[in-house]
Amino acid sequence: MKTRLTITLPAMLLAACAGYGDMAPTKTHMGALTNPDGMTLYVFDKDMAGKSVCNGQCAALWPPFMAKSGASAHGDYSVVTRDDGTSQWAYKGKPLYTWVKDTKPGDMSGDGVKNVWHVAKP
């Protein structure tokens, strides 16, 4: 008898972000900001400084780079509060995201999507 495991999208997003909350992004040798696993981070032109407008289906495709509650800002990195009350890392006030179509460290397939998504660079 086989058992099927069903995981909801919010649970997958939470699991994907677990463990990074108190760690700010790092810089790669190619000049792009990455999460601790080396996955490229992106910024969204429609976000306002200190405010993410990528929620719902947008956040399913562009998972926010989450910060644990109480994570502290330092240097150019800050923590912004999302509409649902969770915390997200930002660089120079711009919230940071990964892209579901990047499958391995170093992928940058989200750069230029719809002319509003860009690799986050220092």
PDB file of N, CA and C in Angstrom:
ATOM      1  N   MET A   1       0.836  -1.167   0.000  1.00  0.00           N
ATOM      2  CA  MET A   1       0.000   0.000   0.000  1.00  0.00           C
ATOM      3  C   MET A   1       0.889   1.242   0.000  1.00  0.00           C
ATOM      4  N   LYS A   2       0.632   2.146  -0.936  1.00  0.00           N
ATOM      5  CA  LYS A   2       1.408   3.378  -1.020  1.00  0.00           C
ATOM      6  C   LYS A   2       0.671   4.496  -0.316  1.00  0.00           C
ATOM      7  N   THR A   3       1.437   5.355   0.341  1.00  0.00           N
ATOM      8  CA  THR A   3       0.882   6.519   1.003  1.00  0.00           C
ATOM      9  C   THR A   3       1.324   7.750   0.251  1.00  0.00           C
ATOM     10  N   ARG A   4       0.407   8.625  -0.030  1.00  0.00           N
ATOM     11  CA  ARG A   4       0.727   9.858  -0.735  1.00  0.00           C
ATOM     12  C   ARG A   4       0.887  10.978   0.281  1.00  0.00           C
ATOM     13  N   LEU A   5       1.990  11.705   0.151  1.00  0.00           N
ATOM     14  CA  LEU A   5       2.255  12.841   1.017  1.00  0.00           C
ATOM     15  C   LEU A   5       1.893  14.101   0.252  1.00  0.00           C
ATOM     16  N   THR A   6       1.039  14.905   0.824  1.00  0.00           N
ATOM     17  CA  THR A   6       0.643  16.163   0.205  1.00  0.00           C
ATOM     18  C   THR A   6       1.175  17.302   1.051  1.00  0.00           C
ATOM     19  N   ILE A   7       1.908  18.190   0.395  1.00  0.00           N
ATOM     20  CA  ILE A   7       2.458  19.356   1.085  1.00  0.00           C
ATOM     21  C   ILE A   7       1.894  20.597   0.416  1.00  0.00           C
ATOM     22  N   THR A   8       1.371  21.486   1.197  1.00  0.00           N
ATOM     23  CA  THR A   8       0.805  22.716   0.644  1.00  0.00           C
ATOM     24  C   THR A   8       1.916  23.674   0.255  1.00  0.00           C
ATOM     25  N   LEU A   9       1.625  24.574  -0.667  1.00  0.00           N
ATOM     26  CA  LEU A   9       2.608  25.548  -1.116  1.00  0.00           C
ATOM     27  C   LEU A   9       3.157  26.380   0.037  1.00  0.00           C
ATOM     28  N   PRO A  10       2.319  26.919   0.940  1.00  0.00           N
ATOM     29  CA  PRO A  10       2.895  27.683   2.053  1.00  0.00           C
ATOM     30  C   PRO A  10       3.862  26.849   2.895  1.00  0.00           C
ATOM     31  N   ALA A  11       3.556  25.575   3.096  1.00  0.00           N
ATOM     32  CA  ALA A  11       4.450  24.717   3.874  1.00  0.00           C
ATOM     33  C   ALA A  11       5.764  24.521   3.136  1.00  0.00           C
ATOM     34  N   MET A  12       5.702  24.368   1.807  1.00  0.00           N
ATOM     35  CA  MET A  12       6.924  24.217   1.016  1.00  0.00           C
ATOM     36  C   MET A  12       7.761  25.484   1.079  1.00  0.00           C
ATOM     37  N   LEU A  13       7.112  26.645   0.982  1.00  0.00           N
ATOM     38  CA  LEU A  13       7.849  27.909   1.047  1.00  0.00           C
ATOM     39  C   LEU A  13       8.505  28.074   2.404  1.00  0.00           C
ATOM     40  N   LEU A  14       7.780  27.744   3.461  1.00  0.00           N
ATOM     41  CA  LEU A  14       8.325  27.861   4.802  1.00  0.00           C
ATOM     42  C   LEU A  14       9.508  26.920   4.970  1.00  0.00           C
ATOM     43  N   ALA A  15       9.374  25.687   4.491  1.00  0.00           N
ATOM     44  CA  ALA A  15      10.471  24.728   4.600  1.00  0.00           C
ATOM     45  C   ALA A  15      11.679  25.182   3.797  1.00  0.00           C
ATOM     46  N   ALA A  16      11.439  25.746   2.638  1.00  0.00           N
ATOM     47  CA  ALA A  16      12.540  26.196   1.788  1.00  0.00           C
ATOM     48  C   ALA A  16      13.317  27.326   2.434  1.00  0.00           C
ATOM     49  N   CYS A  17      12.654  28.105   3.254  1.00  0.00           N
ATOM     50  CA  CYS A  17      13.303  29.265   3.870  1.00  0.00           C
ATOM     51  C   CYS A  17      13.825  28.960   5.262  1.00  0.00           C
ATOM     52  N   ALA A  18      13.490  27.806   5.806  1.00  0.00           N
ATOM     53  CA  ALA A  18      13.885  27.483   7.170  1.00  0.00           C
ATOM     54  C   ALA A  18      15.402  27.474   7.297  1.00  0.00           C
ATOM     55  N   GLY A  19      15.876  27.982   8.412  1.00  0.00           N
ATOM     56  CA  GLY A  19      17.297  27.929   8.688  1.00  0.00           C
ATOM     57  C   GLY A  19      18.089  29.125   8.198  1.00  0.00           C
ATOM     58  N   TYR A  20      17.527  29.970   7.369  1.00  0.00           N
ATOM     59  CA  TYR A  20      18.261  31.103   6.844  1.00  0.00           C
ATOM     60  C   TYR A  20      17.904  32.397   7.538  1.00  0.00           C
ATOM     61  N   GLY A  21      16.875  32.374   8.344  1.00  0.00           N
ATOM     62  CA  GLY A  21      16.306  33.593   8.866  1.00  0.00           C
ATOM     63  C   GLY A  21      17.245  34.563   9.538  1.00  0.00           C
ATOM     64  N   ASP A  22      18.275  34.049  10.213  1.00  0.00           N
ATOM     65  CA  ASP A  22      19.158  34.972  10.909  1.00  0.00           C
ATOM     66  C   ASP A  22      20.452  35.196  10.136  1.00  0.00           C
ATOM     67  N   MET A  23      20.491  34.732   8.894  1.00  0.00           N
ATOM     68  CA  MET A  23      21.694  34.861   8.087  1.00  0.00           C
ATOM     69  C   MET A  23      21.434  35.796   6.919  1.00  0.00           C
ATOM     70  N   ALA A  24      22.190  36.865   6.837  1.00  0.00           N
ATOM     71  CA  ALA A  24      22.065  37.787   5.710  1.00  0.00           C
ATOM     72  C   ALA A  24      22.665  37.140   4.466  1.00  0.00           C
ATOM     73  N   PRO A  25      22.298  37.642   3.297  1.00  0.00           N
ATOM     74  CA  PRO A  25      22.842  37.110   2.051  1.00  0.00           C
ATOM     75  C   PRO A  25      24.364  37.237   1.992  1.00  0.00           C
ATOM     76  N   THR A  26      24.933  36.492   1.070  1.00  0.00           N
ATOM     77  CA  THR A  26      26.366  36.560   0.833  1.00  0.00           C
ATOM     78  C   THR A  26      26.607  37.003  -0.601  1.00  0.00           C
ATOM     79  N   LYS A  27      27.810  37.358  -0.928  1.00  0.00           N
ATOM     80  CA  LYS A  27      28.154  37.822  -2.274  1.00  0.00           C
ATOM     81  C   LYS A  27      28.902  36.719  -3.011  1.00  0.00           C
ATOM     82  N   THR A  28      28.551  36.465  -4.254  1.00  0.00           N
ATOM     83  CA  THR A  28      29.253  35.444  -5.021  1.00  0.00           C
ATOM     84  C   THR A  28      30.430  36.064  -5.754  1.00  0.00           C
ATOM     85  N   HIS A  29      31.223  35.205  -6.365  1.00  0.00           N
ATOM     86  CA  HIS A  29      32.369  35.678  -7.148  1.00  0.00           C
ATOM     87  C   HIS A  29      31.916  36.420  -8.406  1.00  0.00           C
ATOM     88  N   MET A  30      30.670  36.234  -8.827  1.00  0.00           N
ATOM     89  CA  MET A  30      30.155  36.900 -10.026  1.00  0.00           C
ATOM     90  C   MET A  30      29.486  38.227  -9.677  1.00  0.00           C
ATOM     91  N   GLY A  31      29.535  38.622  -8.442  1.00  0.00           N
ATOM     92  CA  GLY A  31      28.986  39.914  -8.046  1.00  0.00           C
ATOM     93  C   GLY A  31      27.520  39.904  -7.690  1.00  0.00           C
ATOM     94  N   ALA A  32      26.877  38.753  -7.689  1.00  0.00           N
ATOM     95  CA  ALA A  32      25.459  38.660  -7.348  1.00  0.00           C
ATOM     96  C   ALA A  32      25.308  38.283  -5.882  1.00  0.00           C
ATOM     97  N   LEU A  33      24.236  38.752  -5.258  1.00  0.00           N
ATOM     98  CA  LEU A  33      23.927  38.333  -3.899  1.00  0.00           C
ATOM     99  C   LEU A  33      23.262  36.963  -3.957  1.00  0.00           C
ATOM    100  N   THR A  34      23.593  36.105  -2.991  1.00  0.00           N
ATOM    101  CA  THR A  34      23.008  34.766  -2.930  1.00  0.00           C
ATOM    102  C   THR A  34      22.556  34.465  -1.508  1.00  0.00           C
ATOM    103  N   ASN A  35      21.705  33.444  -1.397  1.00  0.00           N
ATOM    104  CA  ASN A  35      21.363  32.950  -0.069  1.00  0.00           C
ATOM    105  C   ASN A  35      22.493  32.016   0.379  1.00  0.00           C
ATOM    106  N   PRO A  36      22.452  31.487   1.613  1.00  0.00           N
ATOM    107  CA  PRO A  36      23.550  30.635   2.088  1.00  0.00           C
ATOM    108  C   PRO A  36      23.779  29.379   1.252  1.00  0.00           C
ATOM    109  N   ASP A  37      22.791  28.940   0.466  1.00  0.00           N
ATOM    110  CA  ASP A  37      22.968  27.779  -0.403  1.00  0.00           C
ATOM    111  C   ASP A  37      23.548  28.152  -1.758  1.00  0.00           C
ATOM    112  N   GLY A  38      23.826  29.435  -1.965  1.00  0.00           N
ATOM    113  CA  GLY A  38      24.391  29.871  -3.238  1.00  0.00           C
ATOM    114  C   GLY A  38      23.354  30.189  -4.297  1.00  0.00           C
ATOM    115  N   MET A  39      22.073  30.193  -3.925  1.00  0.00           N
ATOM    116  CA  MET A  39      21.024  30.506  -4.894  1.00  0.00           C
ATOM    117  C   MET A  39      20.930  32.025  -5.069  1.00  0.00           C
ATOM    118  N   THR A  40      20.844  32.444  -6.315  1.00  0.00           N
ATOM    119  CA  THR A  40      20.807  33.859  -6.659  1.00  0.00           C
ATOM    120  C   THR A  40      19.609  34.552  -6.038  1.00  0.00           C
ATOM    121  N   LEU A  41      19.842  35.773  -5.566  1.00  0.00           N
ATOM    122  CA  LEU A  41      18.770  36.606  -5.019  1.00  0.00           C
ATOM    123  C   LEU A  41      18.431  37.700  -6.022  1.00  0.00           C
ATOM    124  N   TYR A  42      17.150  38.081  -6.028  1.00  0.00           N
ATOM    125  CA  TYR A  42      16.618  39.053  -6.979  1.00  0.00           C
ATOM    126  C   TYR A  42      15.894  40.179  -6.270  1.00  0.00           C
ATOM    127  N   VAL A  43      15.759  41.294  -6.976  1.00  0.00           N
ATOM    128  CA  VAL A  43      14.933  42.418  -6.531  1.00  0.00           C
ATOM    129  C   VAL A  43      13.844  42.638  -7.571  1.00  0.00           C
ATOM    130  N   PHE A  44      12.737  43.237  -7.118  1.00  0.00           N
ATOM    131  CA  PHE A  44      11.540  43.445  -7.926  1.00  0.00           C
ATOM    132  C   PHE A  44      11.307  44.936  -8.072  1.00  0.00           C
ATOM    133  N   ASP A  45      11.278  45.432  -9.302  1.00  0.00           N
ATOM    134  CA  ASP A  45      11.109  46.869  -9.555  1.00  0.00           C
ATOM    135  C   ASP A  45       9.839  47.456  -8.952  1.00  0.00           C
ATOM    136  N   LYS A  46       8.804  46.639  -8.782  1.00  0.00           N
ATOM    137  CA  LYS A  46       7.531  47.162  -8.276  1.00  0.00           C
ATOM    138  C   LYS A  46       7.508  47.321  -6.757  1.00  0.00           C
ATOM    139  N   ASP A  47       8.508  46.736  -6.065  1.00  0.00           N
ATOM    140  CA  ASP A  47       8.598  46.936  -4.621  1.00  0.00           C
ATOM    141  C   ASP A  47       8.976  48.375  -4.330  1.00  0.00           C
ATOM    142  N   MET A  48       8.499  48.849  -3.209  1.00  0.00           N
ATOM    143  CA  MET A  48       8.901  50.168  -2.724  1.00  0.00           C
ATOM    144  C   MET A  48       9.972  49.939  -1.664  1.00  0.00           C
ATOM    145  N   ALA A  49      10.807  50.912  -1.423  1.00  0.00           N
ATOM    146  CA  ALA A  49      11.846  50.765  -0.406  1.00  0.00           C
ATOM    147  C   ALA A  49      11.209  50.340   0.915  1.00  0.00           C
ATOM    148  N   GLY A  50      11.689  49.231   1.441  1.00  0.00           N
ATOM    149  CA  GLY A  50      11.197  48.751   2.720  1.00  0.00           C
ATOM    150  C   GLY A  50       9.857  48.057   2.681  1.00  0.00           C
ATOM    151  N   LYS A  51       9.311  47.769   1.492  1.00  0.00           N
ATOM    152  CA  LYS A  51       7.976  47.163   1.383  1.00  0.00           C
ATOM    153  C   LYS A  51       7.919  46.194   0.208  1.00  0.00           C
ATOM    154  N   SER A  52       7.549  44.948   0.482  1.00  0.00           N
ATOM    155  CA  SER A  52       7.358  43.955  -0.571  1.00  0.00           C
ATOM    156  C   SER A  52       5.912  44.007  -1.060  1.00  0.00           C
ATOM    157  N   VAL A  53       5.731  44.015  -2.379  1.00  0.00           N
ATOM    158  CA  VAL A  53       4.387  43.927  -2.950  1.00  0.00           C
ATOM    159  C   VAL A  53       4.195  42.585  -3.657  1.00  0.00           C
ATOM    160  N   CYS A  54       5.169  41.686  -3.505  1.00  0.00           N
ATOM    161  CA  CYS A  54       5.092  40.355  -4.119  1.00  0.00           C
ATOM    162  C   CYS A  54       4.502  39.388  -3.105  1.00  0.00           C
ATOM    163  N   ASN A  55       3.211  39.105  -3.263  1.00  0.00           N
ATOM    164  CA  ASN A  55       2.487  38.219  -2.358  1.00  0.00           C
ATOM    165  C   ASN A  55       1.710  37.199  -3.179  1.00  0.00           C
ATOM    166  N   GLY A  56       1.092  36.234  -2.524  1.00  0.00           N
ATOM    167  CA  GLY A  56       0.253  35.248  -3.210  1.00  0.00           C
ATOM    168  C   GLY A  56       1.007  34.486  -4.285  1.00  0.00           C
ATOM    169  N   GLN A  57       0.438  34.455  -5.503  1.00  0.00           N
ATOM    170  CA  GLN A  57       1.051  33.724  -6.612  1.00  0.00           C
ATOM    171  C   GLN A  57       2.436  34.268  -6.939  1.00  0.00           C
ATOM    172  N   CYS A  58       2.626  35.566  -6.820  1.00  0.00           N
ATOM    173  CA  CYS A  58       3.941  36.162  -7.057  1.00  0.00           C
ATOM    174  C   CYS A  58       4.971  35.537  -6.115  1.00  0.00           C
ATOM    175  N   ALA A  59       4.650  35.431  -4.834  1.00  0.00           N
ATOM    176  CA  ALA A  59       5.578  34.876  -3.855  1.00  0.00           C
ATOM    177  C   ALA A  59       5.776  33.375  -4.043  1.00  0.00           C
ATOM    178  N   ALA A  60       4.820  32.706  -4.689  1.00  0.00           N
ATOM    179  CA  ALA A  60       4.997  31.282  -4.990  1.00  0.00           C
ATOM    180  C   ALA A  60       6.072  31.101  -6.058  1.00  0.00           C
ATOM    181  N   LEU A  61       6.140  32.037  -7.013  1.00  0.00           N
ATOM    182  CA  LEU A  61       7.150  31.973  -8.071  1.00  0.00           C
ATOM    183  C   LEU A  61       8.465  32.607  -7.646  1.00  0.00           C
ATOM    184  N   TRP A  62       8.373  33.617  -6.806  1.00  0.00           N
ATOM    185  CA  TRP A  62       9.533  34.373  -6.325  1.00  0.00           C
ATOM    186  C   TRP A  62       9.548  34.304  -4.802  1.00  0.00           C
ATOM    187  N   PRO A  63       9.962  33.169  -4.224  1.00  0.00           N
ATOM    188  CA  PRO A  63       9.927  33.033  -2.770  1.00  0.00           C
ATOM    189  C   PRO A  63      10.767  34.103  -2.069  1.00  0.00           C
ATOM    190  N   PRO A  64      10.171  34.789  -1.112  1.00  0.00           N
ATOM    191  CA  PRO A  64      10.909  35.794  -0.356  1.00  0.00           C
ATOM    192  C   PRO A  64      12.071  35.151   0.406  1.00  0.00           C
ATOM    193  N   PHE A  65      13.173  35.857   0.523  1.00  0.00           N
ATOM    194  CA  PHE A  65      14.292  35.408   1.339  1.00  0.00           C
ATOM    195  C   PHE A  65      13.972  35.806   2.772  1.00  0.00           C
ATOM    196  N   MET A  66      13.413  34.847   3.514  1.00  0.00           N
ATOM    197  CA  MET A  66      12.846  35.113   4.826  1.00  0.00           C
ATOM    198  C   MET A  66      13.906  35.355   5.891  1.00  0.00           C
ATOM    199  N   ALA A  67      13.539  36.164   6.856  1.00  0.00           N
ATOM    200  CA  ALA A  67      14.366  36.438   8.031  1.00  0.00           C
ATOM    201  C   ALA A  67      13.579  36.006   9.258  1.00  0.00           C
ATOM    202  N   LYS A  68      14.269  35.412  10.203  1.00  0.00           N
ATOM    203  CA  LYS A  68      13.604  35.026  11.449  1.00  0.00           C
ATOM    204  C   LYS A  68      13.156  36.271  12.189  1.00  0.00           C
ATOM    205  N   SER A  69      12.081  36.129  12.919  1.00  0.00           N
ATOM    206  CA  SER A  69      11.612  37.229  13.760  1.00  0.00           C
ATOM    207  C   SER A  69      12.739  37.614  14.711  1.00  0.00           C
ATOM    208  N   GLY A  70      13.014  38.881  14.791  1.00  0.00           N
ATOM    209  CA  GLY A  70      14.080  39.352  15.660  1.00  0.00           C
ATOM    210  C   GLY A  70      15.443  39.414  14.992  1.00  0.00           C
ATOM    211  N   ALA A  71      15.536  38.993  13.709  1.00  0.00           N
ATOM    212  CA  ALA A  71      16.813  39.105  12.996  1.00  0.00           C
ATOM    213  C   ALA A  71      17.206  40.575  12.957  1.00  0.00           C
ATOM    214  N   SER A  72      18.485  40.845  13.088  1.00  0.00           N
ATOM    215  CA  SER A  72      18.902  42.243  13.165  1.00  0.00           C
ATOM    216  C   SER A  72      19.558  42.717  11.877  1.00  0.00           C
ATOM    217  N   ALA A  73      19.217  43.938  11.532  1.00  0.00           N
ATOM    218  CA  ALA A  73      19.786  44.592  10.361  1.00  0.00           C
ATOM    219  C   ALA A  73      21.245  44.921  10.622  1.00  0.00           C
ATOM    220  N   HIS A  74      22.033  44.917   9.557  1.00  0.00           N
ATOM    221  CA  HIS A  74      23.426  45.338   9.680  1.00  0.00           C
ATOM    222  C   HIS A  74      23.936  45.779   8.310  1.00  0.00           C
ATOM    223  N   GLY A  75      24.701  46.845   8.312  1.00  0.00           N
ATOM    224  CA  GLY A  75      25.234  47.380   7.059  1.00  0.00           C
ATOM    225  C   GLY A  75      24.118  47.744   6.099  1.00  0.00           C
ATOM    226  N   ASP A  76      24.230  47.281   4.855  1.00  0.00           N
ATOM    227  CA  ASP A  76      23.217  47.555   3.829  1.00  0.00           C
ATOM    228  C   ASP A  76      22.024  46.613   3.915  1.00  0.00           C
ATOM    229  N   TYR A  77      22.060  45.635   4.838  1.00  0.00           N
ATOM    230  CA  TYR A  77      20.973  44.670   4.969  1.00  0.00           C
ATOM    231  C   TYR A  77      19.993  45.103   6.037  1.00  0.00           C
ATOM    232  N   SER A  78      18.718  45.004   5.706  1.00  0.00           N
ATOM    233  CA  SER A  78      17.660  45.325   6.661  1.00  0.00           C
ATOM    234  C   SER A  78      16.619  44.221   6.604  1.00  0.00           C
ATOM    235  N   VAL A  79      15.692  44.285   7.526  1.00  0.00           N
ATOM    236  CA  VAL A  79      14.597  43.319   7.578  1.00  0.00           C
ATOM    237  C   VAL A  79      13.306  44.095   7.393  1.00  0.00           C
ATOM    238  N   VAL A  80      12.471  43.657   6.447  1.00  0.00           N
ATOM    239  CA  VAL A  80      11.185  44.301   6.203  1.00  0.00           C
ATOM    240  C   VAL A  80      10.069  43.355   6.635  1.00  0.00           C
ATOM    241  N   THR A  81       8.949  43.936   7.015  1.00  0.00           N
ATOM    242  CA  THR A  81       7.791  43.138   7.414  1.00  0.00           C
ATOM    243  C   THR A  81       6.865  42.983   6.227  1.00  0.00           C
ATOM    244  N   ARG A  82       6.529  41.737   5.914  1.00  0.00           N
ATOM    245  CA  ARG A  82       5.629  41.425   4.805  1.00  0.00           C
ATOM    246  C   ARG A  82       4.176  41.620   5.238  1.00  0.00           C
ATOM    247  N   ASP A  83       3.273  41.634   4.265  1.00  0.00           N
ATOM    248  CA  ASP A  83       1.848  41.826   4.548  1.00  0.00           C
ATOM    249  C   ASP A  83       1.296  40.806   5.543  1.00  0.00           C
ATOM    250  N   ASP A  84       1.857  39.575   5.527  1.00  0.00           N
ATOM    251  CA  ASP A  84       1.364  38.538   6.436  1.00  0.00           C
ATOM    252  C   ASP A  84       2.040  38.585   7.805  1.00  0.00           C
ATOM    253  N   GLY A  85       2.897  39.593   8.029  1.00  0.00           N
ATOM    254  CA  GLY A  85       3.548  39.756   9.321  1.00  0.00           C
ATOM    255  C   GLY A  85       4.895  39.064   9.437  1.00  0.00           C
ATOM    256  N   THR A  86       5.291  38.263   8.437  1.00  0.00           N
ATOM    257  CA  THR A  86       6.594  37.617   8.474  1.00  0.00           C
ATOM    258  C   THR A  86       7.675  38.609   8.075  1.00  0.00           C
ATOM    259  N   SER A  87       8.914  38.230   8.297  1.00  0.00           N
ATOM    260  CA  SER A  87      10.045  39.108   8.016  1.00  0.00           C
ATOM    261  C   SER A  87      10.831  38.610   6.808  1.00  0.00           C
ATOM    262  N   GLN A  88      11.374  39.557   6.051  1.00  0.00           N
ATOM    263  CA  GLN A  88      12.113  39.260   4.829  1.00  0.00           C
ATOM    264  C   GLN A  88      13.360  40.129   4.785  1.00  0.00           C
ATOM    265  N   TRP A  89      14.474  39.550   4.313  1.00  0.00           N
ATOM    266  CA  TRP A  89      15.702  40.324   4.151  1.00  0.00           C
ATOM    267  C   TRP A  89      15.559  41.293   2.995  1.00  0.00           C
ATOM    268  N   ALA A  90      16.208  42.438   3.132  1.00  0.00           N
ATOM    269  CA  ALA A  90      16.255  43.445   2.072  1.00  0.00           C
ATOM    270  C   ALA A  90      17.688  43.947   1.961  1.00  0.00           C
ATOM    271  N   TYR A  91      18.048  44.396   0.772  1.00  0.00           N
ATOM    272  CA  TYR A  91      19.360  44.985   0.541  1.00  0.00           C
ATOM    273  C   TYR A  91      19.147  46.415   0.079  1.00  0.00           C
ATOM    274  N   LYS A  92      19.696  47.356   0.827  1.00  0.00           N
ATOM    275  CA  LYS A  92      19.499  48.780   0.566  1.00  0.00           C
ATOM    276  C   LYS A  92      18.012  49.103   0.417  1.00  0.00           C
ATOM    277  N   GLY A  93      17.208  48.476   1.278  1.00  0.00           N
ATOM    278  CA  GLY A  93      15.772  48.722   1.313  1.00  0.00           C
ATOM    279  C   GLY A  93      14.948  47.916   0.329  1.00  0.00           C
ATOM    280  N   LYS A  94      15.589  47.198  -0.599  1.00  0.00           N
ATOM    281  CA  LYS A  94      14.859  46.415  -1.610  1.00  0.00           C
ATOM    282  C   LYS A  94      14.726  44.964  -1.136  1.00  0.00           C
ATOM    283  N   PRO A  95      13.497  44.468  -0.933  1.00  0.00           N
ATOM    284  CA  PRO A  95      13.297  43.085  -0.514  1.00  0.00           C
ATOM    285  C   PRO A  95      13.960  42.103  -1.488  1.00  0.00           C
ATOM    286  N   LEU A  96      14.432  40.978  -0.941  1.00  0.00           N
ATOM    287  CA  LEU A  96      15.158  39.977  -1.718  1.00  0.00           C
ATOM    288  C   LEU A  96      14.338  38.702  -1.892  1.00  0.00           C
ATOM    289  N   TYR A  97      14.492  38.085  -3.067  1.00  0.00           N
ATOM    290  CA  TYR A  97      13.738  36.891  -3.445  1.00  0.00           C
ATOM    291  C   TYR A  97      14.638  35.894  -4.163  1.00  0.00           C
ATOM    292  N   THR A  98      14.211  34.622  -4.173  1.00  0.00           N
ATOM    293  CA  THR A  98      14.798  33.637  -5.072  1.00  0.00           C
ATOM    294  C   THR A  98      13.795  33.424  -6.203  1.00  0.00           C
ATOM    295  N   TRP A  99      14.123  32.567  -7.172  1.00  0.00           N
ATOM    296  CA  TRP A  99      13.277  32.311  -8.347  1.00  0.00           C
ATOM    297  C   TRP A  99      13.117  30.814  -8.473  1.00  0.00           C
ATOM    298  N   VAL A 100      11.886  30.320  -8.575  1.00  0.00           N
ATOM    299  CA  VAL A 100      11.645  28.875  -8.591  1.00  0.00           C
ATOM    300  C   VAL A 100      12.294  28.170  -9.767  1.00  0.00           C
ATOM    301  N   LYS A 101      12.593  28.863 -10.840  1.00  0.00           N
ATOM    302  CA  LYS A 101      13.194  28.212 -12.006  1.00  0.00           C
ATOM    303  C   LYS A 101      14.712  28.108 -11.920  1.00  0.00           C
ATOM    304  N   ASP A 102      15.321  28.741 -10.919  1.00  0.00           N
ATOM    305  CA  ASP A 102      16.742  28.514 -10.664  1.00  0.00           C
ATOM    306  C   ASP A 102      16.837  27.196  -9.913  1.00  0.00           C
ATOM    307  N   THR A 103      17.561  26.233 -10.468  1.00  0.00           N
ATOM    308  CA  THR A 103      17.593  24.903  -9.867  1.00  0.00           C
ATOM    309  C   THR A 103      18.891  24.563  -9.158  1.00  0.00           C
ATOM    310  N   LYS A 104      19.943  25.346  -9.426  1.00  0.00           N
ATOM    311  CA  LYS A 104      21.220  25.062  -8.774  1.00  0.00           C
ATOM    312  C   LYS A 104      21.957  26.372  -8.504  1.00  0.00           C
ATOM    313  N   PRO A 105      22.878  26.348  -7.544  1.00  0.00           N
ATOM    314  CA  PRO A 105      23.647  27.551  -7.253  1.00  0.00           C
ATOM    315  C   PRO A 105      24.290  28.108  -8.529  1.00  0.00           C
ATOM    316  N   GLY A 106      24.246  29.423  -8.646  1.00  0.00           N
ATOM    317  CA  GLY A 106      24.826  30.072  -9.814  1.00  0.00           C
ATOM    318  C   GLY A 106      23.835  30.336 -10.930  1.00  0.00           C
ATOM    319  N   ASP A 107      22.677  29.640 -10.923  1.00  0.00           N
ATOM    320  CA  ASP A 107      21.652  29.929 -11.933  1.00  0.00           C
ATOM    321  C   ASP A 107      21.162  31.357 -11.757  1.00  0.00           C
ATOM    322  N   MET A 108      20.923  32.035 -12.869  1.00  0.00           N
ATOM    323  CA  MET A 108      20.413  33.410 -12.840  1.00  0.00           C
ATOM    324  C   MET A 108      19.326  33.580 -13.886  1.00  0.00           C
ATOM    325  N   SER A 109      18.477  32.565 -14.028  1.00  0.00           N
ATOM    326  CA  SER A 109      17.467  32.587 -15.090  1.00  0.00           C
ATOM    327  C   SER A 109      16.354  33.607 -14.845  1.00  0.00           C
ATOM    328  N   GLY A 110      16.284  34.163 -13.635  1.00  0.00           N
ATOM    329  CA  GLY A 110      15.246  35.150 -13.343  1.00  0.00           C
ATOM    330  C   GLY A 110      15.624  36.572 -13.720  1.00  0.00           C
ATOM    331  N   ASP A 111      16.888  36.783 -14.089  1.00  0.00           N
ATOM    332  CA  ASP A 111      17.332  38.140 -14.406  1.00  0.00           C
ATOM    333  C   ASP A 111      16.625  38.646 -15.651  1.00  0.00           C
ATOM    334  N   GLY A 112      15.896  39.757 -15.513  1.00  0.00           N
ATOM    335  CA  GLY A 112      15.204  40.372 -16.635  1.00  0.00           C
ATOM    336  C   GLY A 112      13.803  39.852 -16.902  1.00  0.00           C
ATOM    337  N   VAL A 113      13.285  38.927 -16.078  1.00  0.00           N
ATOM    338  CA  VAL A 113      11.938  38.415 -16.293  1.00  0.00           C
ATOM    339  C   VAL A 113      10.945  39.582 -16.284  1.00  0.00           C
ATOM    340  N   LYS A 114      10.159  39.673 -17.341  1.00  0.00           N
ATOM    341  CA  LYS A 114       9.146  40.728 -17.529  1.00  0.00           C
ATOM    342  C   LYS A 114       9.727  42.136 -17.342  1.00  0.00           C
ATOM    343  N   ASN A 115      11.029  42.254 -17.481  1.00  0.00           N
ATOM    344  CA  ASN A 115      11.732  43.535 -17.330  1.00  0.00           C
ATOM    345  C   ASN A 115      11.537  44.183 -15.961  1.00  0.00           C
ATOM    346  N   VAL A 116      11.137  43.394 -14.952  1.00  0.00           N
ATOM    347  CA  VAL A 116      10.950  43.950 -13.610  1.00  0.00           C
ATOM    348  C   VAL A 116      11.705  43.172 -12.524  1.00  0.00           C
ATOM    349  N   TRP A 117      12.299  42.037 -12.891  1.00  0.00           N
ATOM    350  CA  TRP A 117      13.075  41.242 -11.932  1.00  0.00           C
ATOM    351  C   TRP A 117      14.538  41.308 -12.332  1.00  0.00           C
ATOM    352  N   HIS A 118      15.413  41.539 -11.313  1.00  0.00           N
ATOM    353  CA  HIS A 118      16.831  41.697 -11.593  1.00  0.00           C
ATOM    354  C   HIS A 118      17.664  41.035 -10.514  1.00  0.00           C
ATOM    355  N   VAL A 119      18.821  40.524 -10.920  1.00  0.00           N
ATOM    356  CA  VAL A 119      19.765  39.983  -9.957  1.00  0.00           C
ATOM    357  C   VAL A 119      20.129  41.080  -8.970  1.00  0.00           C
ATOM    358  N   ALA A 120      20.114  40.747  -7.695  1.00  0.00           N
ATOM    359  CA  ALA A 120      20.512  41.705  -6.659  1.00  0.00           C
ATOM    360  C   ALA A 120      22.035  41.769  -6.634  1.00  0.00           C
ATOM    361  N   LYS A 121      22.556  42.967  -6.808  1.00  0.00           N
ATOM    362  CA  LYS A 121      24.009  43.152  -6.831  1.00  0.00           C
ATOM    363  C   LYS A 121      24.416  44.216  -5.820  1.00  0.00           C
ATOM    364  N   PRO A 122      25.572  44.007  -5.207  1.00  0.00           N
ATOM    365  CA  PRO A 122      26.049  45.007  -4.240  1.00  0.00           C
ATOM    366  C   PRO A 122      26.508  46.284  -4.948  1.00  0.00           C
TER     367      PRO A 122
END
